[in-house]
């Protein structure tokens, strides 16, 4: 998939999501896509894709720190779990749409909000 095709898919997903406030393209060219998807609570998802190296990364950033993410850099597809975002746990590949749904469930569900408030 080209970076431009992925950008179009992400834009379509973002326009349908209740948790997305905006998005900002940082870089898009023949090989690379880098963008931020700003969420309604001032957190954001950092998206990186490199067609030449087939590397993809999605990271949920809160207060300038990755609290959750999935990528295929170095060791293949792995998750940086919400409970321990520095860890690398093998996982299946994920699309942006799937990652956004996970973020909505993990970060925006009422139970996740209650856990955040008690921390």
C-alpha atoms as a PDB file:
ATOM      1  CA  UNK A   1       0.000   0.000   0.000  1.00  0.00           C
ATOM      2  CA  UNK A   2       1.296   3.473  -0.773  1.00  0.00           C
ATOM      3  CA  UNK A   3       1.524   6.161   1.900  1.00  0.00           C
ATOM      4  CA  UNK A   4      -1.109   8.171   0.019  1.00  0.00           C
ATOM      5  CA  UNK A   5      -3.521   5.205  -0.057  1.00  0.00           C
ATOM      6  CA  UNK A   6      -3.001   4.626   3.664  1.00  0.00           C
ATOM      7  CA  UNK A   7      -3.592   8.326   4.347  1.00  0.00           C
ATOM      8  CA  UNK A   8      -6.922   8.132   2.494  1.00  0.00           C
ATOM      9  CA  UNK A   9      -7.966   5.096   4.541  1.00  0.00           C
ATOM     10  CA  UNK A  10      -7.001   6.808   7.800  1.00  0.00           C
ATOM     11  CA  UNK A  11      -8.877   9.984   6.883  1.00  0.00           C
ATOM     12  CA  UNK A  12     -12.007   7.928   6.129  1.00  0.00           C
ATOM     13  CA  UNK A  13     -11.755   6.120   9.473  1.00  0.00           C
ATOM     14  CA  UNK A  14     -11.145   9.386  11.339  1.00  0.00           C
ATOM     15  CA  UNK A  15     -14.185  11.107   9.866  1.00  0.00           C
ATOM     16  CA  UNK A  16     -16.392   8.293  11.182  1.00  0.00           C
ATOM     17  CA  UNK A  17     -14.917   8.094  14.679  1.00  0.00           C
ATOM     18  CA  UNK A  18     -16.513   9.797  17.704  1.00  0.00           C
ATOM     19  CA  UNK A  19     -13.138  10.040  19.487  1.00  0.00           C
ATOM     20  CA  UNK A  20     -11.180  11.807  16.720  1.00  0.00           C
ATOM     21  CA  UNK A  21     -11.023  15.594  16.905  1.00  0.00           C
ATOM     22  CA  UNK A  22      -8.642  16.230  13.995  1.00  0.00           C
ATOM     23  CA  UNK A  23      -5.582  14.934  12.227  1.00  0.00           C
ATOM     24  CA  UNK A  24      -2.363  16.568  11.074  1.00  0.00           C
ATOM     25  CA  UNK A  25      -0.118  15.185   8.356  1.00  0.00           C
ATOM     26  CA  UNK A  26       3.508  15.620   9.296  1.00  0.00           C
ATOM     27  CA  UNK A  27       5.069  13.894   6.261  1.00  0.00           C
ATOM     28  CA  UNK A  28       3.701  12.181   3.204  1.00  0.00           C
ATOM     29  CA  UNK A  29       5.751  11.225   0.167  1.00  0.00           C
ATOM     30  CA  UNK A  30       6.286   8.210  -2.074  1.00  0.00           C
ATOM     31  CA  UNK A  31       7.668   6.073   0.782  1.00  0.00           C
ATOM     32  CA  UNK A  32       6.703   7.605   4.137  1.00  0.00           C
ATOM     33  CA  UNK A  33       3.572   8.673   5.973  1.00  0.00           C
ATOM     34  CA  UNK A  34       3.742  10.323   9.375  1.00  0.00           C
ATOM     35  CA  UNK A  35       0.718  11.893  11.002  1.00  0.00           C
ATOM     36  CA  UNK A  36      -0.950  12.665  14.292  1.00  0.00           C
ATOM     37  CA  UNK A  37      -4.559  11.848  14.958  1.00  0.00           C
ATOM     38  CA  UNK A  38      -5.736  14.211  17.692  1.00  0.00           C
ATOM     39  CA  UNK A  39      -8.328  12.739  20.035  1.00  0.00           C
ATOM     40  CA  UNK A  40     -11.110  14.484  21.945  1.00  0.00           C
ATOM     41  CA  UNK A  41      -9.263  14.381  25.284  1.00  0.00           C
ATOM     42  CA  UNK A  42      -6.052  16.065  24.014  1.00  0.00           C
ATOM     43  CA  UNK A  43      -4.239  12.758  23.618  1.00  0.00           C
ATOM     44  CA  UNK A  44      -3.185  11.671  20.137  1.00  0.00           C
ATOM     45  CA  UNK A  45      -2.223   8.685  18.045  1.00  0.00           C
ATOM     46  CA  UNK A  46       1.131   8.879  16.323  1.00  0.00           C
ATOM     47  CA  UNK A  47       1.045   7.028  12.992  1.00  0.00           C
ATOM     48  CA  UNK A  48       4.153   6.058  11.046  1.00  0.00           C
ATOM     49  CA  UNK A  49       4.385   4.002   7.871  1.00  0.00           C
ATOM     50  CA  UNK A  50       7.360   3.350   5.595  1.00  0.00           C
ATOM     51  CA  UNK A  51       6.493   1.554   2.375  1.00  0.00           C
ATOM     52  CA  UNK A  52      10.148   0.899   1.470  1.00  0.00           C
ATOM     53  CA  UNK A  53      10.834  -0.955   4.739  1.00  0.00           C
ATOM     54  CA  UNK A  54       7.264  -2.185   5.379  1.00  0.00           C
ATOM     55  CA  UNK A  55       7.385  -0.680   8.873  1.00  0.00           C
ATOM     56  CA  UNK A  56       4.171   0.433  10.528  1.00  0.00           C
ATOM     57  CA  UNK A  57       3.703   1.931  13.980  1.00  0.00           C
ATOM     58  CA  UNK A  58       0.716   3.212  15.953  1.00  0.00           C
ATOM     59  CA  UNK A  59       1.173   4.774  19.380  1.00  0.00           C
ATOM     60  CA  UNK A  60      -1.304   6.349  21.797  1.00  0.00           C
ATOM     61  CA  UNK A  61       0.385   9.366  23.374  1.00  0.00           C
ATOM     62  CA  UNK A  62      -0.870  10.934  26.613  1.00  0.00           C
ATOM     63  CA  UNK A  63       1.065  13.727  28.327  1.00  0.00           C
ATOM     64  CA  UNK A  64       3.923  13.287  25.837  1.00  0.00           C
ATOM     65  CA  UNK A  65       4.372   9.578  26.699  1.00  0.00           C
ATOM     66  CA  UNK A  66       3.424   6.444  24.802  1.00  0.00           C
ATOM     67  CA  UNK A  67       0.916   4.589  26.968  1.00  0.00           C
ATOM     68  CA  UNK A  68      -0.087   1.981  24.371  1.00  0.00           C
ATOM     69  CA  UNK A  69       1.102   0.998  20.933  1.00  0.00           C
ATOM     70  CA  UNK A  70       1.507  -1.607  18.232  1.00  0.00           C
ATOM     71  CA  UNK A  71       4.219  -1.809  15.582  1.00  0.00           C
ATOM     72  CA  UNK A  72       6.270  -4.184  13.490  1.00  0.00           C
ATOM     73  CA  UNK A  73       9.709  -2.620  13.990  1.00  0.00           C
ATOM     74  CA  UNK A  74      12.737  -4.862  14.576  1.00  0.00           C
ATOM     75  CA  UNK A  75      11.039  -7.957  16.070  1.00  0.00           C
ATOM     76  CA  UNK A  76       7.862  -8.218  13.992  1.00  0.00           C
ATOM     77  CA  UNK A  77       4.386  -7.230  15.109  1.00  0.00           C
ATOM     78  CA  UNK A  78       4.184  -6.576  18.826  1.00  0.00           C
ATOM     79  CA  UNK A  79       2.123  -4.616  21.335  1.00  0.00           C
ATOM     80  CA  UNK A  80       3.285  -2.179  23.990  1.00  0.00           C
ATOM     81  CA  UNK A  81       0.549  -2.967  26.549  1.00  0.00           C
ATOM     82  CA  UNK A  82      -1.357  -0.290  28.414  1.00  0.00           C
ATOM     83  CA  UNK A  83      -0.245  -1.756  31.747  1.00  0.00           C
ATOM     84  CA  UNK A  84       3.449  -1.801  30.733  1.00  0.00           C
ATOM     85  CA  UNK A  85       4.116   0.204  27.558  1.00  0.00           C
ATOM     86  CA  UNK A  86       7.859  -0.453  27.586  1.00  0.00           C
ATOM     87  CA  UNK A  87       7.250  -4.185  27.104  1.00  0.00           C
ATOM     88  CA  UNK A  88       7.152  -5.918  23.705  1.00  0.00           C
ATOM     89  CA  UNK A  89       4.530  -8.670  23.470  1.00  0.00           C
ATOM     90  CA  UNK A  90       4.082 -10.469  20.131  1.00  0.00           C
ATOM     91  CA  UNK A  91       0.726  -9.832  18.442  1.00  0.00           C
ATOM     92  CA  UNK A  92      -1.041 -10.164  15.120  1.00  0.00           C
ATOM     93  CA  UNK A  93      -0.786  -7.376  12.540  1.00  0.00           C
ATOM     94  CA  UNK A  94      -3.283  -4.553  13.003  1.00  0.00           C
ATOM     95  CA  UNK A  95      -4.790  -1.902  10.750  1.00  0.00           C
ATOM     96  CA  UNK A  96      -5.280   1.701  11.809  1.00  0.00           C
ATOM     97  CA  UNK A  97      -9.028   1.117  12.040  1.00  0.00           C
ATOM     98  CA  UNK A  98      -8.471  -1.822  14.409  1.00  0.00           C
ATOM     99  CA  UNK A  99      -5.959   0.143  16.490  1.00  0.00           C
ATOM    100  CA  UNK A 100      -8.346   3.097  16.801  1.00  0.00           C
ATOM    101  CA  UNK A 101     -11.101   0.731  17.964  1.00  0.00           C
ATOM    102  CA  UNK A 102      -8.718  -0.668  20.590  1.00  0.00           C
ATOM    103  CA  UNK A 103      -7.866   2.853  21.759  1.00  0.00           C
ATOM    104  CA  UNK A 104     -11.555   3.685  22.040  1.00  0.00           C
ATOM    105  CA  UNK A 105     -12.139   0.573  24.131  1.00  0.00           C
ATOM    106  CA  UNK A 106      -9.005   0.833  26.297  1.00  0.00           C
ATOM    107  CA  UNK A 107      -8.772   4.588  26.751  1.00  0.00           C
ATOM    108  CA  UNK A 108     -12.293   5.942  26.323  1.00  0.00           C
ATOM    109  CA  UNK A 109     -14.549   3.283  27.826  1.00  0.00           C
ATOM    110  CA  UNK A 110     -16.210   4.165  31.128  1.00  0.00           C
ATOM    111  CA  UNK A 111     -14.225   1.513  33.009  1.00  0.00           C
ATOM    112  CA  UNK A 112     -10.927   2.785  31.584  1.00  0.00           C
ATOM    113  CA  UNK A 113     -11.866   6.332  32.652  1.00  0.00           C
ATOM    114  CA  UNK A 114     -12.561   5.134  36.204  1.00  0.00           C
ATOM    115  CA  UNK A 115      -9.152   3.432  36.370  1.00  0.00           C
ATOM    116  CA  UNK A 116      -7.441   6.600  35.060  1.00  0.00           C
ATOM    117  CA  UNK A 117      -9.218   8.724  37.663  1.00  0.00           C
ATOM    118  CA  UNK A 118      -8.125   6.464  40.510  1.00  0.00           C
ATOM    119  CA  UNK A 119      -4.462   6.455  39.412  1.00  0.00           C
END
